[in-house]
């Protein structure tokens, strides 16, 4: 995983849904952005951010001071999005082919973090694969980790 210093920053006021941001050091997908009212007449502009952890689904929140120089900067991790063709599913491991035809064997079936069971994406993937259909998936990569997020 890259060092915190290696993650690019941007102005918090430039954030948009459904983007990605580091909240309390964790990579999150933005689910809510709210401009908070000033506490006093001379108070600071504040932004309340709510996000879900990209890999665990855990909810994270933070309130940022938009007028406090470097405190108004947030880390925005680079996100990659790749499409793969599923070749096999062995237990929890999904074997795929990349667009260039290279084998890829390091993706796991996504799980519901509360139950530990396959989530909706995994269930759809298993259903299509077991039916014998050609299955394509989309995986996002953040900070050296990947997760299957969509079945095409």
N, C-alpha and C. Protein backbone atom coordinates (compact mmCIF):
# COMPACT_ATOMS: atom_id res chain seq x y z
N UNK A 1 0.86 -1.18 0.00
CA UNK A 1 0.00 0.00 0.00
C UNK A 1 0.90 1.23 0.00
N UNK A 2 0.59 2.24 -0.82
CA UNK A 2 1.41 3.44 -0.87
C UNK A 2 1.39 4.20 0.45
N UNK A 3 2.47 4.97 0.67
CA UNK A 3 2.51 5.83 1.85
C UNK A 3 1.46 6.92 1.70
N UNK A 4 1.03 7.46 2.84
CA UNK A 4 0.04 8.54 2.82
C UNK A 4 0.56 9.74 2.04
N UNK A 5 1.89 9.93 2.05
CA UNK A 5 2.48 11.07 1.33
C UNK A 5 2.36 10.91 -0.19
N UNK A 6 2.16 9.68 -0.67
CA UNK A 6 2.09 9.42 -2.11
C UNK A 6 0.70 9.62 -2.70
N UNK A 7 -0.30 9.85 -1.86
CA UNK A 7 -1.67 10.00 -2.34
C UNK A 7 -1.92 11.47 -2.67
N UNK A 8 -2.35 11.77 -3.90
CA UNK A 8 -2.56 13.17 -4.29
C UNK A 8 -3.66 13.85 -3.46
N UNK A 9 -3.56 15.17 -3.36
CA UNK A 9 -4.55 15.94 -2.61
C UNK A 9 -5.28 16.89 -3.55
N UNK A 10 -6.44 17.34 -3.09
CA UNK A 10 -7.20 18.36 -3.80
C UNK A 10 -8.01 19.15 -2.78
N UNK A 11 -8.56 20.25 -3.21
CA UNK A 11 -9.38 21.07 -2.33
C UNK A 11 -10.67 20.31 -1.99
N UNK A 12 -11.02 20.29 -0.71
CA UNK A 12 -12.24 19.60 -0.28
C UNK A 12 -13.48 20.17 -0.96
N UNK A 13 -13.46 21.45 -1.26
CA UNK A 13 -14.62 22.07 -1.90
C UNK A 13 -14.82 21.57 -3.34
N UNK A 14 -13.82 20.88 -3.90
CA UNK A 14 -13.93 20.34 -5.26
C UNK A 14 -14.47 18.92 -5.30
N UNK A 15 -14.69 18.31 -4.14
CA UNK A 15 -15.19 16.93 -4.10
C UNK A 15 -16.59 16.84 -4.69
N UNK A 16 -16.87 15.70 -5.34
CA UNK A 16 -18.19 15.46 -5.92
C UNK A 16 -18.58 14.00 -5.67
N UNK A 17 -19.90 13.78 -5.54
CA UNK A 17 -20.41 12.41 -5.47
C UNK A 17 -20.49 11.88 -6.89
N UNK A 18 -20.27 10.66 -7.14
CA UNK A 18 -19.87 9.55 -6.28
C UNK A 18 -18.37 9.31 -6.36
N UNK A 19 -17.56 10.29 -6.07
CA UNK A 19 -16.12 10.16 -6.15
C UNK A 19 -15.52 9.38 -5.00
N UNK A 20 -14.21 9.41 -4.93
CA UNK A 20 -13.47 8.69 -3.90
C UNK A 20 -12.60 9.66 -3.12
N UNK A 21 -12.43 9.40 -1.82
CA UNK A 21 -11.65 10.27 -0.96
C UNK A 21 -11.15 9.44 0.22
N UNK A 22 -10.05 9.87 0.81
CA UNK A 22 -9.57 9.23 2.03
C UNK A 22 -10.26 9.91 3.20
N UNK A 23 -10.99 9.14 4.01
CA UNK A 23 -11.63 9.67 5.22
C UNK A 23 -10.99 8.95 6.40
N UNK A 24 -10.35 9.72 7.25
CA UNK A 24 -9.66 9.17 8.43
C UNK A 24 -8.68 8.07 8.01
N UNK A 25 -7.98 8.32 6.89
CA UNK A 25 -6.95 7.39 6.42
C UNK A 25 -7.47 6.17 5.68
N UNK A 26 -8.77 6.12 5.39
CA UNK A 26 -9.37 4.96 4.74
C UNK A 26 -9.94 5.34 3.37
N UNK A 27 -9.74 4.48 2.34
CA UNK A 27 -10.28 4.79 1.01
C UNK A 27 -11.80 4.59 0.99
N UNK A 28 -12.52 5.66 0.69
CA UNK A 28 -13.99 5.62 0.75
C UNK A 28 -14.61 6.15 -0.53
N UNK A 29 -15.79 5.62 -0.84
CA UNK A 29 -16.63 6.16 -1.91
C UNK A 29 -17.55 7.18 -1.26
N UNK A 30 -17.61 8.37 -1.81
CA UNK A 30 -18.42 9.44 -1.23
C UNK A 30 -19.89 9.13 -1.44
N UNK A 31 -20.66 9.14 -0.34
CA UNK A 31 -22.10 8.92 -0.45
C UNK A 31 -22.88 10.17 -0.05
N UNK A 32 -22.23 11.09 0.65
CA UNK A 32 -22.92 12.30 1.09
C UNK A 32 -21.92 13.44 1.26
N UNK A 33 -22.27 14.61 0.75
CA UNK A 33 -21.49 15.85 0.93
C UNK A 33 -22.47 16.93 1.34
N UNK A 34 -22.24 17.54 2.50
CA UNK A 34 -23.14 18.60 2.97
C UNK A 34 -22.34 19.80 3.44
N UNK A 35 -22.68 20.96 2.89
CA UNK A 35 -22.10 22.21 3.39
C UNK A 35 -22.76 22.50 4.73
N UNK A 36 -21.97 22.64 5.78
CA UNK A 36 -22.51 22.90 7.12
C UNK A 36 -22.61 24.41 7.34
N UNK A 37 -23.63 24.87 8.04
CA UNK A 37 -23.74 26.31 8.33
C UNK A 37 -22.62 26.74 9.28
N UNK A 38 -22.26 28.01 9.16
CA UNK A 38 -21.24 28.56 10.05
C UNK A 38 -21.78 28.56 11.48
N UNK A 39 -20.92 28.23 12.43
CA UNK A 39 -21.33 28.20 13.83
C UNK A 39 -21.58 29.61 14.36
N UNK A 40 -20.82 30.58 13.85
CA UNK A 40 -20.98 31.98 14.24
C UNK A 40 -20.90 32.84 12.99
N UNK A 41 -21.16 34.13 13.14
CA UNK A 41 -21.09 35.04 11.99
C UNK A 41 -19.70 35.01 11.37
N UNK A 42 -18.67 34.95 12.22
CA UNK A 42 -17.29 34.93 11.72
C UNK A 42 -16.75 33.51 11.63
N UNK A 43 -17.62 32.54 11.69
CA UNK A 43 -17.20 31.14 11.68
C UNK A 43 -16.67 30.70 10.32
N UNK A 44 -16.16 29.50 10.29
CA UNK A 44 -15.57 28.95 9.08
C UNK A 44 -16.58 28.13 8.28
N UNK A 45 -16.39 28.11 6.97
CA UNK A 45 -17.18 27.23 6.12
C UNK A 45 -16.73 25.80 6.40
N UNK A 46 -17.69 24.89 6.54
CA UNK A 46 -17.37 23.50 6.85
C UNK A 46 -18.09 22.57 5.88
N UNK A 47 -17.46 21.44 5.63
CA UNK A 47 -18.02 20.43 4.74
C UNK A 47 -18.06 19.10 5.47
N UNK A 48 -19.25 18.51 5.53
CA UNK A 48 -19.43 17.20 6.17
C UNK A 48 -19.40 16.14 5.07
N UNK A 49 -18.51 15.16 5.21
CA UNK A 49 -18.35 14.09 4.22
C UNK A 49 -18.73 12.76 4.86
N UNK A 50 -19.53 11.99 4.15
CA UNK A 50 -19.86 10.63 4.57
C UNK A 50 -19.46 9.71 3.42
N UNK A 51 -18.76 8.64 3.76
CA UNK A 51 -18.35 7.69 2.74
C UNK A 51 -18.39 6.27 3.26
N UNK A 52 -18.39 5.33 2.33
CA UNK A 52 -18.31 3.92 2.71
C UNK A 52 -16.96 3.38 2.25
N UNK A 53 -16.32 2.63 3.12
CA UNK A 53 -15.02 2.04 2.81
C UNK A 53 -15.17 1.18 1.56
N UNK A 54 -14.26 1.37 0.63
CA UNK A 54 -14.35 0.69 -0.66
C UNK A 54 -14.33 -0.83 -0.51
N UNK A 55 -13.55 -1.35 0.43
CA UNK A 55 -13.39 -2.79 0.54
C UNK A 55 -14.22 -3.44 1.65
N UNK A 56 -14.56 -2.69 2.69
CA UNK A 56 -15.29 -3.30 3.81
C UNK A 56 -16.74 -2.84 3.89
N UNK A 57 -17.06 -1.71 3.27
CA UNK A 57 -18.42 -1.17 3.34
C UNK A 57 -18.69 -0.38 4.61
N UNK A 58 -17.70 -0.30 5.51
CA UNK A 58 -17.90 0.43 6.77
C UNK A 58 -18.07 1.93 6.49
N UNK A 59 -18.96 2.56 7.26
CA UNK A 59 -19.26 3.98 7.08
C UNK A 59 -18.22 4.83 7.83
N UNK A 60 -17.72 5.87 7.15
CA UNK A 60 -16.79 6.83 7.75
C UNK A 60 -17.35 8.23 7.53
N UNK A 61 -17.13 9.12 8.50
CA UNK A 61 -17.58 10.50 8.41
C UNK A 61 -16.48 11.44 8.87
N UNK A 62 -16.49 12.65 8.32
CA UNK A 62 -15.56 13.69 8.78
C UNK A 62 -16.16 15.04 8.42
N UNK A 63 -15.81 16.05 9.20
CA UNK A 63 -16.20 17.43 8.91
C UNK A 63 -14.93 18.22 8.73
N UNK A 64 -14.82 18.90 7.59
CA UNK A 64 -13.60 19.64 7.25
C UNK A 64 -13.85 21.13 7.29
N UNK A 65 -12.84 21.86 7.73
CA UNK A 65 -12.85 23.31 7.75
C UNK A 65 -12.36 23.77 6.37
N UNK A 66 -13.23 24.39 5.60
CA UNK A 66 -12.88 24.78 4.23
C UNK A 66 -12.05 26.05 4.14
N UNK A 67 -11.89 26.76 5.25
CA UNK A 67 -11.16 28.03 5.20
C UNK A 67 -9.85 27.96 5.96
N UNK A 68 -9.39 26.77 6.29
CA UNK A 68 -8.18 26.63 7.11
C UNK A 68 -6.98 26.13 6.32
N UNK A 69 -6.68 26.77 5.21
CA UNK A 69 -5.47 26.46 4.45
C UNK A 69 -5.32 24.98 4.13
N UNK A 70 -4.23 24.37 4.66
CA UNK A 70 -3.95 22.97 4.34
C UNK A 70 -5.00 22.02 4.90
N UNK A 71 -5.74 22.44 5.91
CA UNK A 71 -6.80 21.59 6.47
C UNK A 71 -7.95 21.43 5.49
N UNK A 72 -8.02 22.30 4.49
CA UNK A 72 -9.09 22.20 3.50
C UNK A 72 -8.71 21.28 2.34
N UNK A 73 -7.52 20.69 2.41
CA UNK A 73 -7.06 19.75 1.39
C UNK A 73 -7.37 18.32 1.85
N UNK A 74 -7.82 17.49 0.92
CA UNK A 74 -8.11 16.09 1.22
C UNK A 74 -7.33 15.19 0.26
N UNK A 75 -7.04 13.99 0.72
CA UNK A 75 -6.36 13.03 -0.13
C UNK A 75 -7.39 12.31 -0.99
N UNK A 76 -7.07 12.21 -2.28
CA UNK A 76 -7.96 11.56 -3.24
C UNK A 76 -7.17 10.44 -3.91
N UNK A 77 -7.43 9.18 -3.54
CA UNK A 77 -6.65 8.08 -4.10
C UNK A 77 -6.95 7.88 -5.58
N UNK A 78 -5.92 7.45 -6.31
CA UNK A 78 -6.11 7.11 -7.72
C UNK A 78 -6.94 5.84 -7.79
N UNK A 79 -7.93 5.84 -8.66
CA UNK A 79 -8.84 4.69 -8.81
C UNK A 79 -8.73 4.19 -10.24
N UNK A 80 -8.51 2.88 -10.38
CA UNK A 80 -8.50 2.27 -11.71
C UNK A 80 -9.76 1.42 -11.84
N UNK A 81 -10.22 1.31 -13.05
CA UNK A 81 -11.41 0.50 -13.33
C UNK A 81 -11.05 -0.40 -14.51
N UNK A 82 -11.13 -1.71 -14.29
CA UNK A 82 -10.76 -2.68 -15.33
C UNK A 82 -11.90 -3.65 -15.58
N UNK A 83 -12.01 -4.09 -16.83
CA UNK A 83 -13.00 -5.09 -17.20
C UNK A 83 -12.27 -6.40 -17.47
N UNK A 84 -12.81 -7.49 -16.92
CA UNK A 84 -12.20 -8.81 -17.08
C UNK A 84 -13.25 -9.82 -17.52
N UNK A 85 -12.79 -10.89 -18.19
CA UNK A 85 -13.65 -12.01 -18.56
C UNK A 85 -13.40 -13.13 -17.56
N UNK A 86 -14.45 -13.62 -16.93
CA UNK A 86 -14.32 -14.67 -15.92
C UNK A 86 -14.08 -16.01 -16.62
N UNK A 87 -13.04 -16.72 -16.17
CA UNK A 87 -12.72 -18.04 -16.72
C UNK A 87 -13.13 -19.16 -15.77
N UNK A 88 -12.98 -18.93 -14.46
CA UNK A 88 -13.28 -19.97 -13.49
C UNK A 88 -13.52 -19.33 -12.12
N UNK A 89 -14.28 -20.02 -11.29
CA UNK A 89 -14.46 -19.62 -9.90
C UNK A 89 -14.16 -20.85 -9.06
N UNK A 90 -13.14 -20.74 -8.22
CA UNK A 90 -12.72 -21.85 -7.37
C UNK A 90 -12.80 -21.40 -5.92
N UNK A 91 -13.87 -21.82 -5.25
CA UNK A 91 -14.08 -21.34 -3.88
C UNK A 91 -14.39 -19.86 -3.90
N UNK A 92 -13.49 -19.07 -3.33
CA UNK A 92 -13.68 -17.62 -3.29
C UNK A 92 -12.82 -16.89 -4.32
N UNK A 93 -11.97 -17.64 -5.06
CA UNK A 93 -11.05 -17.04 -6.03
C UNK A 93 -11.69 -17.01 -7.41
N UNK A 94 -11.65 -15.83 -8.04
CA UNK A 94 -12.19 -15.65 -9.38
C UNK A 94 -11.01 -15.54 -10.34
N UNK A 95 -10.90 -16.48 -11.28
CA UNK A 95 -9.85 -16.46 -12.29
C UNK A 95 -10.40 -15.78 -13.54
N UNK A 96 -9.62 -14.84 -14.07
CA UNK A 96 -10.09 -14.02 -15.19
C UNK A 96 -9.02 -13.89 -16.26
N UNK A 97 -9.45 -13.32 -17.38
CA UNK A 97 -8.54 -12.88 -18.43
C UNK A 97 -8.65 -11.38 -18.54
N UNK A 98 -7.50 -10.72 -18.67
CA UNK A 98 -7.50 -9.27 -18.87
C UNK A 98 -7.87 -8.97 -20.32
N UNK A 99 -8.03 -7.71 -20.64
CA UNK A 99 -8.36 -7.30 -22.02
C UNK A 99 -7.26 -7.73 -22.99
N UNK A 100 -6.01 -7.84 -22.50
CA UNK A 100 -4.90 -8.24 -23.36
C UNK A 100 -4.70 -9.76 -23.39
N UNK A 101 -5.59 -10.51 -22.71
CA UNK A 101 -5.52 -11.97 -22.74
C UNK A 101 -4.63 -12.58 -21.67
N UNK A 102 -4.14 -11.78 -20.75
CA UNK A 102 -3.29 -12.29 -19.67
C UNK A 102 -4.17 -12.88 -18.56
N UNK A 103 -3.74 -14.02 -17.98
CA UNK A 103 -4.51 -14.59 -16.87
C UNK A 103 -4.36 -13.75 -15.60
N UNK A 104 -5.40 -13.72 -14.80
CA UNK A 104 -5.41 -12.97 -13.54
C UNK A 104 -6.13 -13.83 -12.51
N UNK A 105 -5.43 -14.16 -11.42
CA UNK A 105 -5.98 -15.08 -10.42
C UNK A 105 -5.97 -14.50 -9.01
N UNK A 106 -6.09 -13.19 -8.88
CA UNK A 106 -5.98 -12.60 -7.54
C UNK A 106 -7.22 -11.81 -7.11
N UNK A 107 -8.36 -12.10 -7.73
CA UNK A 107 -9.61 -11.44 -7.32
C UNK A 107 -10.44 -12.40 -6.48
N UNK A 108 -11.06 -11.87 -5.44
CA UNK A 108 -11.93 -12.67 -4.58
C UNK A 108 -13.38 -12.30 -4.83
N UNK A 109 -14.27 -13.26 -4.58
CA UNK A 109 -15.70 -12.95 -4.61
C UNK A 109 -15.98 -11.91 -3.53
N UNK A 110 -16.71 -10.85 -3.86
CA UNK A 110 -17.03 -9.85 -2.84
C UNK A 110 -17.98 -10.43 -1.79
N UNK A 111 -17.76 -10.03 -0.53
CA UNK A 111 -18.58 -10.54 0.57
C UNK A 111 -19.30 -9.41 1.29
N UNK A 112 -20.41 -9.76 1.90
CA UNK A 112 -21.09 -8.86 2.83
C UNK A 112 -20.26 -8.88 4.10
N UNK A 113 -19.76 -7.72 4.53
CA UNK A 113 -18.85 -7.69 5.68
C UNK A 113 -19.53 -8.05 6.99
N UNK A 114 -20.84 -7.91 7.07
CA UNK A 114 -21.54 -8.25 8.31
C UNK A 114 -21.79 -9.75 8.42
N UNK A 115 -22.15 -10.39 7.31
CA UNK A 115 -22.50 -11.81 7.36
C UNK A 115 -21.36 -12.72 6.91
N UNK A 116 -20.42 -12.17 6.13
CA UNK A 116 -19.35 -12.99 5.57
C UNK A 116 -19.78 -13.81 4.37
N UNK A 117 -21.04 -13.66 3.97
CA UNK A 117 -21.57 -14.39 2.82
C UNK A 117 -21.39 -13.56 1.55
N UNK A 118 -21.46 -14.21 0.38
CA UNK A 118 -21.34 -13.46 -0.87
C UNK A 118 -22.39 -12.34 -0.95
N UNK A 119 -21.95 -11.15 -1.40
CA UNK A 119 -22.88 -10.02 -1.53
C UNK A 119 -23.67 -10.15 -2.83
N UNK A 120 -24.49 -9.12 -3.15
CA UNK A 120 -25.35 -9.19 -4.34
C UNK A 120 -24.54 -9.33 -5.62
N UNK A 121 -23.40 -8.64 -5.71
CA UNK A 121 -22.57 -8.72 -6.91
C UNK A 121 -22.05 -10.15 -7.07
N UNK A 122 -21.57 -10.74 -5.97
CA UNK A 122 -21.05 -12.11 -6.02
C UNK A 122 -22.16 -13.10 -6.38
N UNK A 123 -23.35 -12.90 -5.84
CA UNK A 123 -24.47 -13.80 -6.15
C UNK A 123 -24.82 -13.74 -7.63
N UNK A 124 -24.84 -12.53 -8.19
CA UNK A 124 -25.13 -12.37 -9.62
C UNK A 124 -24.04 -13.04 -10.46
N UNK A 125 -22.78 -12.85 -10.06
CA UNK A 125 -21.65 -13.45 -10.76
C UNK A 125 -21.76 -14.98 -10.73
N UNK A 126 -22.00 -15.55 -9.56
CA UNK A 126 -22.12 -17.00 -9.43
C UNK A 126 -23.29 -17.55 -10.26
N UNK A 127 -24.41 -16.85 -10.23
CA UNK A 127 -25.60 -17.29 -10.98
C UNK A 127 -25.31 -17.35 -12.48
N UNK A 128 -24.70 -16.27 -13.02
CA UNK A 128 -24.40 -16.23 -14.45
C UNK A 128 -23.34 -17.27 -14.82
N UNK A 129 -22.32 -17.40 -13.97
CA UNK A 129 -21.25 -18.35 -14.26
C UNK A 129 -21.78 -19.79 -14.24
N UNK A 130 -22.58 -20.12 -13.23
CA UNK A 130 -23.13 -21.48 -13.12
C UNK A 130 -24.12 -21.79 -14.25
N UNK A 131 -24.72 -20.75 -14.84
CA UNK A 131 -25.64 -20.95 -15.97
C UNK A 131 -24.87 -21.18 -17.28
N UNK A 132 -23.55 -21.02 -17.23
CA UNK A 132 -22.73 -21.25 -18.41
C UNK A 132 -22.58 -20.03 -19.31
N UNK A 133 -23.06 -18.89 -18.86
CA UNK A 133 -22.94 -17.66 -19.65
C UNK A 133 -21.50 -17.15 -19.63
N UNK A 134 -21.12 -16.44 -20.72
CA UNK A 134 -19.85 -15.72 -20.66
C UNK A 134 -20.06 -14.54 -19.71
N UNK A 135 -19.18 -14.42 -18.74
CA UNK A 135 -19.36 -13.40 -17.72
C UNK A 135 -18.20 -12.42 -17.75
N UNK A 136 -18.56 -11.16 -17.83
CA UNK A 136 -17.57 -10.09 -17.72
C UNK A 136 -17.84 -9.35 -16.42
N UNK A 137 -16.75 -8.90 -15.79
CA UNK A 137 -16.87 -8.17 -14.53
C UNK A 137 -16.08 -6.88 -14.61
N UNK A 138 -16.40 -5.97 -13.72
CA UNK A 138 -15.64 -4.73 -13.57
C UNK A 138 -15.07 -4.74 -12.16
N UNK A 139 -13.78 -4.45 -12.07
CA UNK A 139 -13.12 -4.36 -10.76
C UNK A 139 -12.48 -2.99 -10.65
N UNK A 140 -12.56 -2.42 -9.45
CA UNK A 140 -11.86 -1.16 -9.20
C UNK A 140 -10.62 -1.47 -8.38
N UNK A 141 -9.59 -0.67 -8.61
CA UNK A 141 -8.35 -0.82 -7.86
C UNK A 141 -8.01 0.48 -7.16
N UNK A 142 -7.72 0.38 -5.87
CA UNK A 142 -7.32 1.54 -5.07
C UNK A 142 -6.23 1.09 -4.12
N UNK A 143 -5.14 1.84 -4.06
CA UNK A 143 -4.06 1.60 -3.11
C UNK A 143 -3.55 0.16 -3.17
N UNK A 144 -3.44 -0.38 -4.38
CA UNK A 144 -2.87 -1.71 -4.55
C UNK A 144 -3.82 -2.86 -4.29
N UNK A 145 -5.09 -2.60 -4.02
CA UNK A 145 -6.08 -3.65 -3.81
C UNK A 145 -7.16 -3.52 -4.88
N UNK A 146 -7.78 -4.66 -5.22
CA UNK A 146 -8.87 -4.65 -6.20
C UNK A 146 -10.12 -5.30 -5.62
N UNK A 147 -11.27 -4.86 -6.12
CA UNK A 147 -12.55 -5.43 -5.70
C UNK A 147 -13.48 -5.49 -6.90
N UNK A 148 -14.18 -6.61 -7.04
CA UNK A 148 -15.19 -6.75 -8.08
C UNK A 148 -16.40 -5.92 -7.66
N UNK A 149 -16.84 -5.01 -8.54
CA UNK A 149 -17.94 -4.11 -8.18
C UNK A 149 -19.16 -4.24 -9.10
N UNK A 150 -18.99 -4.93 -10.23
CA UNK A 150 -20.10 -5.00 -11.18
C UNK A 150 -19.97 -6.24 -12.05
N UNK A 151 -21.11 -6.81 -12.40
CA UNK A 151 -21.18 -7.92 -13.36
C UNK A 151 -21.86 -7.38 -14.60
N UNK A 152 -21.22 -7.59 -15.76
CA UNK A 152 -21.77 -7.06 -17.01
C UNK A 152 -22.59 -8.11 -17.74
